[in-house]
Amino acid sequence: MSKILRSWLFVPADSEKKLAKAGGLEADALILDLEDAVMPDNKAMGRQLACAFLRDAKTSSQIWIRINALDSEYVAEDLEAIVPLAPDGIMLPKPDGPVDIETLSRRLDRLEAKHGLPLGGIKILPVATETARAVMSLSLYPRTHLPRLLGLTWGAEDLATDMGAVTNKNPDGHFAFTYQVVRSHTLLAAKAAGVQAVDTLYDNFRDKDGLRARAQCAFSEGFTGMLAIHPAQVQIINNSFTPTAAQLRHAESVIQAFEDNPGVGAVQVAGKMIDIPHLKQAQKILSLYEGTKS
């Protein structure tokens, strides 16, 4: 299985200071951002610094690049500069749906072939909900052959702008109902497509308890990882999206109980009756744990 990427840390590609620190962080994936974090006058510099990072960085993190949108004036230069250096993946902002993943995939096919790279080696993670049109296309991802698709993530800020909303939050600070629905549909689309489900960022990086609660809730719902905007969020996210020792022990005991009782559909574990769905859940917990280590 593909390595499960729990923490996805955004790093502005035009910041030499932040890039210098990024290589020593424990994020599963670094996203060098050429899009929203970089002003138009700095696009060229950001591209140059991202390329230098790809050439020279010594890091255990995967290196992903958030390129500019496919309809932008910058995307061709982004891809021409970045692809020869073989990043692990491309984050695609503002796609309309799977059709844009197909378009990007064809462009990557041509550039990988041109530069002698393994075909299909560069994966894609779209921010799949930044417009209302994109949200309505989520159900198409499981029905479309997208071999480069590693996962789906979602965003609320650009979506609120596209919808003309004043805010995407309730007075209590939680996402408003519409955005909760979008989040759920992203999770369902990712699971139906058999790819990783990455929750959106928690914008108050000083609120560690709030981040931990959100991340643990997302993990319990089925998300495999989460976007981060500050290095202080990385370890909390990694811990929250890794099965706990207690969860692993329980999963192992469930699997062992079925191995000890071959041919039965239900067994007793810790005084409770456990059936086949629980066995499958236990197997997935162990698989998820192994995926974070591979």
C-alpha atoms as a PDB file:
ATOM      1  CA  MET A   1       0.000   0.000   0.000  1.00  0.00           C
ATOM      2  CA  SER A   2       1.042   3.637  -0.432  1.00  0.00           C
ATOM      3  CA  LYS A   3       2.614   5.270   2.583  1.00  0.00           C
ATOM      4  CA  ILE A   4      -0.062   6.955   4.668  1.00  0.00           C
ATOM      5  CA  LEU A   5       0.768  10.664   4.820  1.00  0.00           C
ATOM      6  CA  ARG A   6      -0.598  12.035   8.071  1.00  0.00           C
ATOM      7  CA  SER A   7       0.783  15.590   8.234  1.00  0.00           C
ATOM      8  CA  TRP A   8       0.922  17.847   5.165  1.00  0.00           C
ATOM      9  CA  LEU A   9       2.778  21.072   6.035  1.00  0.00           C
ATOM     10  CA  PHE A  10       2.478  24.123   3.798  1.00  0.00           C
ATOM     11  CA  VAL A  11       5.736  26.031   3.274  1.00  0.00           C
ATOM     12  CA  PRO A  12       5.717  29.301   1.274  1.00  0.00           C
ATOM     13  CA  ALA A  13       8.072  28.638  -1.613  1.00  0.00           C
ATOM     14  CA  ASP A  14       9.379  32.228  -1.653  1.00  0.00           C
ATOM     15  CA  SER A  15      10.539  32.174   1.985  1.00  0.00           C
ATOM     16  CA  GLU A  16      14.187  31.146   2.266  1.00  0.00           C
ATOM     17  CA  LYS A  17      13.923  31.209   6.061  1.00  0.00           C
ATOM     18  CA  LYS A  18      10.962  28.820   6.203  1.00  0.00           C
ATOM     19  CA  LEU A  19      12.397  26.539   3.528  1.00  0.00           C
ATOM     20  CA  ALA A  20      15.668  26.305   5.467  1.00  0.00           C
ATOM     21  CA  LYS A  21      13.779  25.019   8.522  1.00  0.00           C
ATOM     22  CA  ALA A  22      11.401  22.725   6.636  1.00  0.00           C
ATOM     23  CA  GLY A  23      13.891  19.955   5.886  1.00  0.00           C
ATOM     24  CA  GLY A  24      14.420  19.242   9.575  1.00  0.00           C
ATOM     25  CA  LEU A  25      10.744  18.912  10.445  1.00  0.00           C
ATOM     26  CA  GLU A  26       8.889  15.634  10.926  1.00  0.00           C
ATOM     27  CA  ALA A  27       6.039  16.295   8.519  1.00  0.00           C
ATOM     28  CA  ASP A  28       5.159  13.285   6.402  1.00  0.00           C
ATOM     29  CA  ALA A  29       4.795  15.664   3.445  1.00  0.00           C
ATOM     30  CA  LEU A  30       6.034  19.190   2.823  1.00  0.00           C
ATOM     31  CA  ILE A  31       3.920  21.241   0.396  1.00  0.00           C
ATOM     32  CA  LEU A  32       6.060  23.949  -1.183  1.00  0.00           C
ATOM     33  CA  ASP A  33       3.407  26.511  -2.026  1.00  0.00           C
ATOM     34  CA  LEU A  34       3.660  28.417  -5.307  1.00  0.00           C
ATOM     35  CA  GLU A  35       0.013  29.483  -5.282  1.00  0.00           C
ATOM     36  CA  ASP A  36      -1.807  31.488  -2.600  1.00  0.00           C
ATOM     37  CA  ALA A  37       1.226  31.967  -0.336  1.00  0.00           C
ATOM     38  CA  VAL A  38       3.241  33.663  -3.089  1.00  0.00           C
ATOM     39  CA  MET A  39       2.357  37.084  -4.512  1.00  0.00           C
ATOM     40  CA  PRO A  40       2.544  37.548  -8.305  1.00  0.00           C
ATOM     41  CA  ASP A  41       5.783  39.532  -8.175  1.00  0.00           C
ATOM     42  CA  ASN A  42       7.432  36.674  -6.247  1.00  0.00           C
ATOM     43  CA  LYS A  43       6.245  33.742  -8.397  1.00  0.00           C
ATOM     44  CA  ALA A  44       9.519  33.414 -10.303  1.00  0.00           C
ATOM     45  CA  MET A  45      11.607  33.578  -7.136  1.00  0.00           C
ATOM     46  CA  GLY A  46       9.356  31.056  -5.406  1.00  0.00           C
ATOM     47  CA  ARG A  47       9.736  28.700  -8.359  1.00  0.00           C
ATOM     48  CA  GLN A  48      13.542  29.026  -8.237  1.00  0.00           C
ATOM     49  CA  LEU A  49      13.686  28.401  -4.495  1.00  0.00           C
ATOM     50  CA  ALA A  50      11.361  25.387  -4.775  1.00  0.00           C
ATOM     51  CA  CYS A  51      13.628  23.915  -7.447  1.00  0.00           C
ATOM     52  CA  ALA A  52      16.696  24.495  -5.280  1.00  0.00           C
ATOM     53  CA  PHE A  53      14.955  22.772  -2.363  1.00  0.00           C
ATOM     54  CA  LEU A  54      14.092  19.774  -4.539  1.00  0.00           C
ATOM     55  CA  ARG A  55      17.695  19.505  -5.737  1.00  0.00           C
ATOM     56  CA  ASP A  56      19.453  19.964  -2.411  1.00  0.00           C
ATOM     57  CA  ALA A  57      17.126  19.128   0.496  1.00  0.00           C
ATOM     58  CA  LYS A  58      18.009  16.242   2.768  1.00  0.00           C
ATOM     59  CA  THR A  59      14.723  15.296   4.383  1.00  0.00           C
ATOM     60  CA  SER A  60      12.721  12.194   5.193  1.00  0.00           C
ATOM     61  CA  SER A  61       9.533  14.068   4.259  1.00  0.00           C
ATOM     62  CA  GLN A  62       7.931  13.652   0.895  1.00  0.00           C
ATOM     63  CA  ILE A  63       8.166  16.864  -1.130  1.00  0.00           C
ATOM     64  CA  TRP A  64       5.017  18.076  -2.861  1.00  0.00           C
ATOM     65  CA  ILE A  65       4.469  21.280  -4.814  1.00  0.00           C
ATOM     66  CA  ARG A  66       1.252  23.279  -4.835  1.00  0.00           C
ATOM     67  CA  ILE A  67       1.316  24.679  -8.344  1.00  0.00           C
ATOM     68  CA  ASN A  68      -0.866  27.505  -9.560  1.00  0.00           C
ATOM     69  CA  ALA A  69      -4.300  26.694 -10.965  1.00  0.00           C
ATOM     70  CA  LEU A  70      -4.524  25.107 -14.407  1.00  0.00           C
ATOM     71  CA  ASP A  71      -6.134  28.216 -15.899  1.00  0.00           C
ATOM     72  CA  SER A  72      -3.465  30.562 -14.498  1.00  0.00           C
ATOM     73  CA  GLU A  73      -0.675  32.230 -16.457  1.00  0.00           C
ATOM     74  CA  TYR A  74       1.906  30.613 -14.171  1.00  0.00           C
ATOM     75  CA  VAL A  75       1.134  26.911 -14.380  1.00  0.00           C
ATOM     76  CA  ALA A  76       3.149  26.093 -17.511  1.00  0.00           C
ATOM     77  CA  GLU A  77       6.309  27.566 -16.001  1.00  0.00           C
ATOM     78  CA  ASP A  78       5.593  25.813 -12.697  1.00  0.00           C
ATOM     79  CA  LEU A  79       5.429  22.408 -14.363  1.00  0.00           C
ATOM     80  CA  GLU A  80       8.358  22.961 -16.722  1.00  0.00           C
ATOM     81  CA  ALA A  81      10.572  23.922 -13.794  1.00  0.00           C
ATOM     82  CA  ILE A  82       9.368  21.417 -11.197  1.00  0.00           C
ATOM     83  CA  VAL A  83       8.725  18.147 -13.036  1.00  0.00           C
ATOM     84  CA  PRO A  84      12.360  17.516 -14.136  1.00  0.00           C
ATOM     85  CA  LEU A  85      13.289  17.438 -10.437  1.00  0.00           C
ATOM     86  CA  ALA A  86      10.749  14.661  -9.749  1.00  0.00           C
ATOM     87  CA  PRO A  87       8.784  15.839  -6.711  1.00  0.00           C
ATOM     88  CA  ASP A  88       6.748  13.178  -4.946  1.00  0.00           C
ATOM     89  CA  GLY A  89       3.555  14.891  -5.960  1.00  0.00           C
ATOM     90  CA  ILE A  90       1.626  17.914  -7.125  1.00  0.00           C
ATOM     91  CA  MET A  91      -1.135  19.562  -5.115  1.00  0.00           C
ATOM     92  CA  LEU A  92      -3.647  20.947  -7.603  1.00  0.00           C
ATOM     93  CA  PRO A  93      -5.681  23.970  -6.457  1.00  0.00           C
ATOM     94  CA  LYS A  94      -9.104  24.912  -7.739  1.00  0.00           C
ATOM     95  CA  PRO A  95      -9.886  21.945  -9.993  1.00  0.00           C
ATOM     96  CA  ASP A  96     -13.400  21.726 -11.411  1.00  0.00           C
ATOM     97  CA  GLY A  97     -13.363  17.959 -10.875  1.00  0.00           C
ATOM     98  CA  PRO A  98     -11.698  14.784 -12.177  1.00  0.00           C
ATOM     99  CA  VAL A  99     -11.462  16.279 -15.669  1.00  0.00           C
ATOM    100  CA  ASP A 100      -8.741  18.626 -14.401  1.00  0.00           C
ATOM    101  CA  ILE A 101      -6.873  15.717 -12.806  1.00  0.00           C
ATOM    102  CA  GLU A 102      -6.926  14.032 -16.217  1.00  0.00           C
ATOM    103  CA  THR A 103      -5.622  17.200 -17.873  1.00  0.00           C
ATOM    104  CA  LEU A 104      -2.799  17.565 -15.352  1.00  0.00           C
ATOM    105  CA  SER A 105      -1.987  13.856 -15.659  1.00  0.00           C
ATOM    106  CA  ARG A 106      -1.541  14.176 -19.429  1.00  0.00           C
ATOM    107  CA  ARG A 107       0.786  17.134 -18.956  1.00  0.00           C
ATOM    108  CA  LEU A 108       2.792  15.167 -16.404  1.00  0.00           C
ATOM    109  CA  ASP A 109       2.912  12.191 -18.793  1.00  0.00           C
ATOM    110  CA  ARG A 110       4.526  14.357 -21.475  1.00  0.00           C
ATOM    111  CA  LEU A 111       7.018  15.994 -19.137  1.00  0.00           C
ATOM    112  CA  GLU A 112       8.016  12.738 -17.427  1.00  0.00           C
ATOM    113  CA  ALA A 113       8.639  11.160 -20.828  1.00  0.00           C
ATOM    114  CA  LYS A 114      10.582  14.220 -21.992  1.00  0.00           C
ATOM    115  CA  HIS A 115      12.886  14.090 -18.973  1.00  0.00           C
ATOM    116  CA  GLY A 116      13.274  10.314 -18.737  1.00  0.00           C
ATOM    117  CA  LEU A 117      11.355   9.937 -15.498  1.00  0.00           C
ATOM    118  CA  PRO A 118       9.247   6.898 -14.509  1.00  0.00           C
ATOM    119  CA  LEU A 119       5.793   7.380 -15.978  1.00  0.00           C
ATOM    120  CA  GLY A 120       3.192   7.968 -13.289  1.00  0.00           C
ATOM    121  CA  GLY A 121       5.756   8.544 -10.569  1.00  0.00           C
ATOM    122  CA  ILE A 122       4.492  12.008  -9.659  1.00  0.00           C
ATOM    123  CA  LYS A 123       1.180  11.741  -7.786  1.00  0.00           C
ATOM    124  CA  ILE A 124      -1.638  14.278  -7.474  1.00  0.00           C
ATOM    125  CA  LEU A 125      -3.600  15.593  -4.487  1.00  0.00           C
ATOM    126  CA  PRO A 126      -6.372  18.001  -5.518  1.00  0.00           C
ATOM    127  CA  VAL A 127      -7.969  20.532  -3.218  1.00  0.00           C
ATOM    128  CA  ALA A 128     -11.247  19.191  -4.476  1.00  0.00           C
ATOM    129  CA  THR A 129     -13.825  21.644  -3.085  1.00  0.00           C
ATOM    130  CA  GLU A 130     -12.687  25.217  -3.712  1.00  0.00           C
ATOM    131  CA  THR A 131     -15.665  26.085  -5.907  1.00  0.00           C
ATOM    132  CA  ALA A 132     -19.333  25.094  -5.838  1.00  0.00           C
ATOM    133  CA  ARG A 133     -18.840  23.458  -9.240  1.00  0.00           C
ATOM    134  CA  ALA A 134     -16.016  21.346  -7.829  1.00  0.00           C
ATOM    135  CA  VAL A 135     -18.133  20.226  -4.881  1.00  0.00           C
ATOM    136  CA  MET A 136     -20.813  18.978  -7.251  1.00  0.00           C
ATOM    137  CA  SER A 137     -18.148  16.899  -9.049  1.00  0.00           C
ATOM    138  CA  LEU A 138     -16.969  14.963  -5.977  1.00  0.00           C
ATOM    139  CA  SER A 139     -19.090  11.922  -6.836  1.00  0.00           C
ATOM    140  CA  LEU A 140     -17.246  11.580 -10.162  1.00  0.00           C
ATOM    141  CA  TYR A 141     -13.866  10.772  -8.593  1.00  0.00           C
ATOM    142  CA  PRO A 142     -14.707   7.122  -7.784  1.00  0.00           C
ATOM    143  CA  ARG A 143     -16.028   6.641 -11.336  1.00  0.00           C
ATOM    144  CA  THR A 144     -12.952   8.055 -13.104  1.00  0.00           C
ATOM    145  CA  HIS A 145      -9.700   6.193 -13.771  1.00  0.00           C
ATOM    146  CA  LEU A 146      -7.079   8.410 -12.140  1.00  0.00           C
ATOM    147  CA  PRO A 147      -3.927   6.357 -11.480  1.00  0.00           C
ATOM    148  CA  ARG A 148      -1.980   9.374 -10.241  1.00  0.00           C
ATOM    149  CA  LEU A 149      -4.604  10.301  -7.643  1.00  0.00           C
ATOM    150  CA  LEU A 150      -3.142   9.736  -4.165  1.00  0.00           C
ATOM    151  CA  GLY A 151      -5.910  11.366  -2.180  1.00  0.00           C
ATOM    152  CA  LEU A 152      -8.511  14.091  -1.852  1.00  0.00           C
ATOM    153  CA  THR A 153      -8.465  17.089   0.426  1.00  0.00           C
ATOM    154  CA  TRP A 154     -10.879  19.951   0.836  1.00  0.00           C
ATOM    155  CA  GLY A 155     -10.853  23.654   1.580  1.00  0.00           C
ATOM    156  CA  ALA A 156     -13.385  26.093   2.993  1.00  0.00           C
ATOM    157  CA  GLU A 157     -11.863  29.524   2.388  1.00  0.00           C
ATOM    158  CA  ASP A 158     -11.971  29.680  -1.412  1.00  0.00           C
ATOM    159  CA  LEU A 159     -15.318  27.887  -1.400  1.00  0.00           C
ATOM    160  CA  ALA A 160     -16.815  30.578   0.844  1.00  0.00           C
ATOM    161  CA  THR A 161     -15.485  33.223  -1.535  1.00  0.00           C
ATOM    162  CA  ASP A 162     -16.928  31.426  -4.553  1.00  0.00           C
ATOM    163  CA  MET A 163     -20.303  31.207  -2.836  1.00  0.00           C
ATOM    164  CA  GLY A 164     -20.325  34.848  -1.771  1.00  0.00           C
ATOM    165  CA  ALA A 165     -20.545  33.832   1.888  1.00  0.00           C
ATOM    166  CA  VAL A 166     -19.671  36.271   4.666  1.00  0.00           C
ATOM    167  CA  THR A 167     -18.095  33.446   6.688  1.00  0.00           C
ATOM    168  CA  ASN A 168     -17.757  29.669   6.686  1.00  0.00           C
ATOM    169  CA  LYS A 169     -17.993  29.402  10.486  1.00  0.00           C
ATOM    170  CA  ASN A 170     -20.792  29.342  13.036  1.00  0.00           C
ATOM    171  CA  PRO A 171     -20.635  31.737  16.016  1.00  0.00           C
ATOM    172  CA  ASP A 172     -19.080  28.906  18.059  1.00  0.00           C
ATOM    173  CA  GLY A 173     -16.128  28.732  15.637  1.00  0.00           C
ATOM    174  CA  HIS A 174     -17.070  25.418  14.059  1.00  0.00           C
ATOM    175  CA  PHE A 175     -17.710  25.048  10.352  1.00  0.00           C
ATOM    176  CA  ALA A 176     -21.208  26.006   9.249  1.00  0.00           C
ATOM    177  CA  PHE A 177     -23.517  23.224   8.072  1.00  0.00           C
ATOM    178  CA  THR A 178     -22.771  23.604   4.351  1.00  0.00           C
ATOM    179  CA  TYR A 179     -19.040  23.179   4.938  1.00  0.00           C
ATOM    180  CA  GLN A 180     -19.560  20.210   7.236  1.00  0.00           C
ATOM    181  CA  VAL A 181     -21.511  18.580   4.396  1.00  0.00           C
ATOM    182  CA  VAL A 182     -18.683  19.330   1.949  1.00  0.00           C
ATOM    183  CA  ARG A 183     -16.176  17.813   4.385  1.00  0.00           C
ATOM    184  CA  SER A 184     -18.262  14.640   4.688  1.00  0.00           C
ATOM    185  CA  HIS A 185     -18.668  14.332   0.928  1.00  0.00           C
ATOM    186  CA  THR A 186     -14.916  14.677   0.455  1.00  0.00           C
ATOM    187  CA  LEU A 187     -14.333  11.851   2.926  1.00  0.00           C
ATOM    188  CA  LEU A 188     -16.932   9.653   1.214  1.00  0.00           C
ATOM    189  CA  ALA A 189     -15.538  10.385  -2.260  1.00  0.00           C
ATOM    190  CA  ALA A 190     -12.000   9.524  -1.138  1.00  0.00           C
ATOM    191  CA  LYS A 191     -13.101   6.248   0.445  1.00  0.00           C
ATOM    192  CA  ALA A 192     -15.165   5.302  -2.605  1.00  0.00           C
ATOM    193  CA  ALA A 193     -12.184   6.057  -4.846  1.00  0.00           C
ATOM    194  CA  GLY A 194      -9.828   4.056  -2.623  1.00  0.00           C
ATOM    195  CA  VAL A 195      -7.472   6.986  -1.937  1.00  0.00           C
ATOM    196  CA  GLN A 196      -6.293   8.878   1.132  1.00  0.00           C
ATOM    197  CA  ALA A 197      -8.677  11.363   2.759  1.00  0.00           C
ATOM    198  CA  VAL A 198      -6.928  14.503   4.018  1.00  0.00           C
ATOM    199  CA  ASP A 199      -8.799  16.895   6.307  1.00  0.00           C
ATOM    200  CA  THR A 200      -8.419  20.635   5.863  1.00  0.00           C
ATOM    201  CA  LEU A 201      -6.238  22.811   8.060  1.00  0.00           C
ATOM    202  CA  TYR A 202      -6.950  24.107  11.558  1.00  0.00           C
ATOM    203  CA  ASP A 203      -6.257  27.802  11.230  1.00  0.00           C
ATOM    204  CA  ASN A 204      -5.513  28.710  14.876  1.00  0.00           C
ATOM    205  CA  PHE A 205      -2.031  27.237  15.179  1.00  0.00           C
ATOM    206  CA  ARG A 206      -1.692  28.430  18.788  1.00  0.00           C
ATOM    207  CA  ASP A 207      -4.723  26.381  19.885  1.00  0.00           C
ATOM    208  CA  LYS A 208      -3.055  23.007  20.366  1.00  0.00           C
ATOM    209  CA  ASP A 209      -5.940  21.489  22.301  1.00  0.00           C
ATOM    210  CA  GLY A 210      -8.417  22.503  19.612  1.00  0.00           C
ATOM    211  CA  LEU A 211      -6.186  21.057  16.892  1.00  0.00           C
ATOM    212  CA  ARG A 212      -5.770  17.803  18.810  1.00  0.00           C
ATOM    213  CA  ALA A 213      -9.538  17.451  19.279  1.00  0.00           C
ATOM    214  CA  ARG A 214     -10.216  18.166  15.580  1.00  0.00           C
ATOM    215  CA  ALA A 215      -7.475  15.788  14.403  1.00  0.00           C
ATOM    216  CA  GLN A 216      -8.519  12.944  16.684  1.00  0.00           C
ATOM    217  CA  CYS A 217     -12.121  13.358  15.588  1.00  0.00           C
ATOM    218  CA  ALA A 218     -11.069  13.308  11.929  1.00  0.00           C
ATOM    219  CA  PHE A 219      -9.054  10.129  12.474  1.00  0.00           C
ATOM    220  CA  SER A 220     -11.976   8.439  14.183  1.00  0.00           C
ATOM    221  CA  GLU A 221     -14.198   9.345  11.211  1.00  0.00           C
ATOM    222  CA  GLY A 222     -11.829   7.821   8.668  1.00  0.00           C
ATOM    223  CA  PHE A 223      -9.575  10.648   7.523  1.00  0.00           C
ATOM    224  CA  THR A 224      -5.962   9.528   7.106  1.00  0.00           C
ATOM    225  CA  GLY A 225      -4.237  12.887   7.515  1.00  0.00           C
ATOM    226  CA  MET A 226      -4.563  16.634   7.817  1.00  0.00           C
ATOM    227  CA  LEU A 227      -3.153  19.826   6.338  1.00  0.00           C
ATOM    228  CA  ALA A 228      -0.939  21.999   8.562  1.00  0.00           C
ATOM    229  CA  ILE A 229       0.030  25.670   8.365  1.00  0.00           C
ATOM    230  CA  HIS A 230       2.625  25.793  11.157  1.00  0.00           C
ATOM    231  CA  PRO A 231       5.441  23.442  12.247  1.00  0.00           C
ATOM    232  CA  ALA A 232       3.962  23.329  15.763  1.00  0.00           C
ATOM    233  CA  GLN A 233       0.977  21.436  14.362  1.00  0.00           C
ATOM    234  CA  VAL A 234       2.970  18.593  12.792  1.00  0.00           C
ATOM    235  CA  GLN A 235       3.613  16.354  15.794  1.00  0.00           C
ATOM    236  CA  ILE A 236       0.059  16.713  17.101  1.00  0.00           C
ATOM    237  CA  ILE A 237      -1.282  15.650  13.714  1.00  0.00           C
ATOM    238  CA  ASN A 238       1.151  12.736  13.404  1.00  0.00           C
ATOM    239  CA  ASN A 239       0.193  11.449  16.837  1.00  0.00           C
ATOM    240  CA  SER A 240      -3.524  11.934  16.255  1.00  0.00           C
ATOM    241  CA  PHE A 241      -3.520   9.985  12.978  1.00  0.00           C
ATOM    242  CA  THR A 242      -1.508   7.045  14.316  1.00  0.00           C
ATOM    243  CA  PRO A 243      -3.447   4.222  16.013  1.00  0.00           C
ATOM    244  CA  THR A 244      -2.829   4.230  19.751  1.00  0.00           C
ATOM    245  CA  ALA A 245      -1.225   1.336  21.603  1.00  0.00           C
ATOM    246  CA  ALA A 246      -4.614   0.472  23.082  1.00  0.00           C
ATOM    247  CA  GLN A 247      -6.246   0.445  19.634  1.00  0.00           C
ATOM    248  CA  LEU A 248      -3.497  -1.804  18.299  1.00  0.00           C
ATOM    249  CA  ARG A 249      -3.770  -4.220  21.230  1.00  0.00           C
ATOM    250  CA  HIS A 250      -7.529  -4.459  20.773  1.00  0.00           C
ATOM    251  CA  ALA A 251      -7.182  -5.023  17.027  1.00  0.00           C
ATOM    252  CA  GLU A 252      -4.617  -7.756  17.595  1.00  0.00           C
ATOM    253  CA  SER A 253      -6.839  -9.444  20.187  1.00  0.00           C
ATOM    254  CA  VAL A 254      -9.794  -9.422  17.775  1.00  0.00           C
ATOM    255  CA  ILE A 255      -7.725 -10.941  14.974  1.00  0.00           C
ATOM    256  CA  GLN A 256      -6.237 -13.517  17.332  1.00  0.00           C
ATOM    257  CA  ALA A 257      -9.691 -14.509  18.605  1.00  0.00           C
ATOM    258  CA  PHE A 258     -10.857 -15.288  15.072  1.00  0.00           C
ATOM    259  CA  GLU A 259      -7.633 -17.183  14.326  1.00  0.00           C
ATOM    260  CA  ASP A 260      -8.220 -19.259  17.458  1.00  0.00           C
ATOM    261  CA  ASN A 261     -11.779 -20.032  16.365  1.00  0.00           C
ATOM    262  CA  PRO A 262     -11.649 -20.754  12.623  1.00  0.00           C
ATOM    263  CA  GLY A 263     -14.929 -20.961  10.751  1.00  0.00           C
ATOM    264  CA  VAL A 264     -17.040 -19.005  13.248  1.00  0.00           C
ATOM    265  CA  GLY A 265     -18.785 -15.726  12.524  1.00  0.00           C
ATOM    266  CA  ALA A 266     -18.661 -14.251  16.012  1.00  0.00           C
ATOM    267  CA  VAL A 267     -16.290 -14.503  18.975  1.00  0.00           C
ATOM    268  CA  GLN A 268     -16.039 -13.056  22.457  1.00  0.00           C
ATOM    269  CA  VAL A 269     -13.344 -10.456  23.214  1.00  0.00           C
ATOM    270  CA  ALA A 270     -13.118  -8.711  26.605  1.00  0.00           C
ATOM    271  CA  GLY A 271     -16.671  -9.738  27.449  1.00  0.00           C
ATOM    272  CA  LYS A 272     -18.192  -8.457  24.192  1.00  0.00           C
ATOM    273  CA  MET A 273     -19.424 -10.311  21.138  1.00  0.00           C
ATOM    274  CA  ILE A 274     -17.363  -9.431  18.071  1.00  0.00           C
ATOM    275  CA  ASP A 275     -18.389 -10.296  14.520  1.00  0.00           C
ATOM    276  CA  ILE A 276     -16.924 -10.071  11.014  1.00  0.00           C
ATOM    277  CA  PRO A 277     -17.289  -6.276  10.567  1.00  0.00           C
ATOM    278  CA  HIS A 278     -15.231  -5.858  13.754  1.00  0.00           C
ATOM    279  CA  LEU A 279     -12.604  -8.209  12.326  1.00  0.00           C
ATOM    280  CA  LYS A 280     -12.372  -6.146   9.152  1.00  0.00           C
ATOM    281  CA  GLN A 281     -12.098  -2.984  11.215  1.00  0.00           C
ATOM    282  CA  ALA A 282      -9.273  -4.524  13.271  1.00  0.00           C
ATOM    283  CA  GLN A 283      -7.434  -5.537  10.101  1.00  0.00           C
ATOM    284  CA  LYS A 284      -7.749  -2.006   8.768  1.00  0.00           C
ATOM    285  CA  ILE A 285      -6.342  -0.555  11.992  1.00  0.00           C
ATOM    286  CA  LEU A 286      -3.249  -2.735  11.674  1.00  0.00           C
ATOM    287  CA  SER A 287      -2.951  -1.966   7.975  1.00  0.00           C
ATOM    288  CA  LEU A 288      -3.226   1.754   8.691  1.00  0.00           C
ATOM    289  CA  TYR A 289      -0.500   1.511  11.311  1.00  0.00           C
ATOM    290  CA  GLU A 290       1.800  -0.322   8.915  1.00  0.00           C
ATOM    291  CA  GLY A 291       1.020   2.299   6.269  1.00  0.00           C
ATOM    292  CA  THR A 292       2.313   5.088   8.510  1.00  0.00           C
ATOM    293  CA  LYS A 293       5.639   3.241   8.871  1.00  0.00           C
ATOM    294  CA  SER A 294       6.238   2.134   5.274  1.00  0.00           C
END
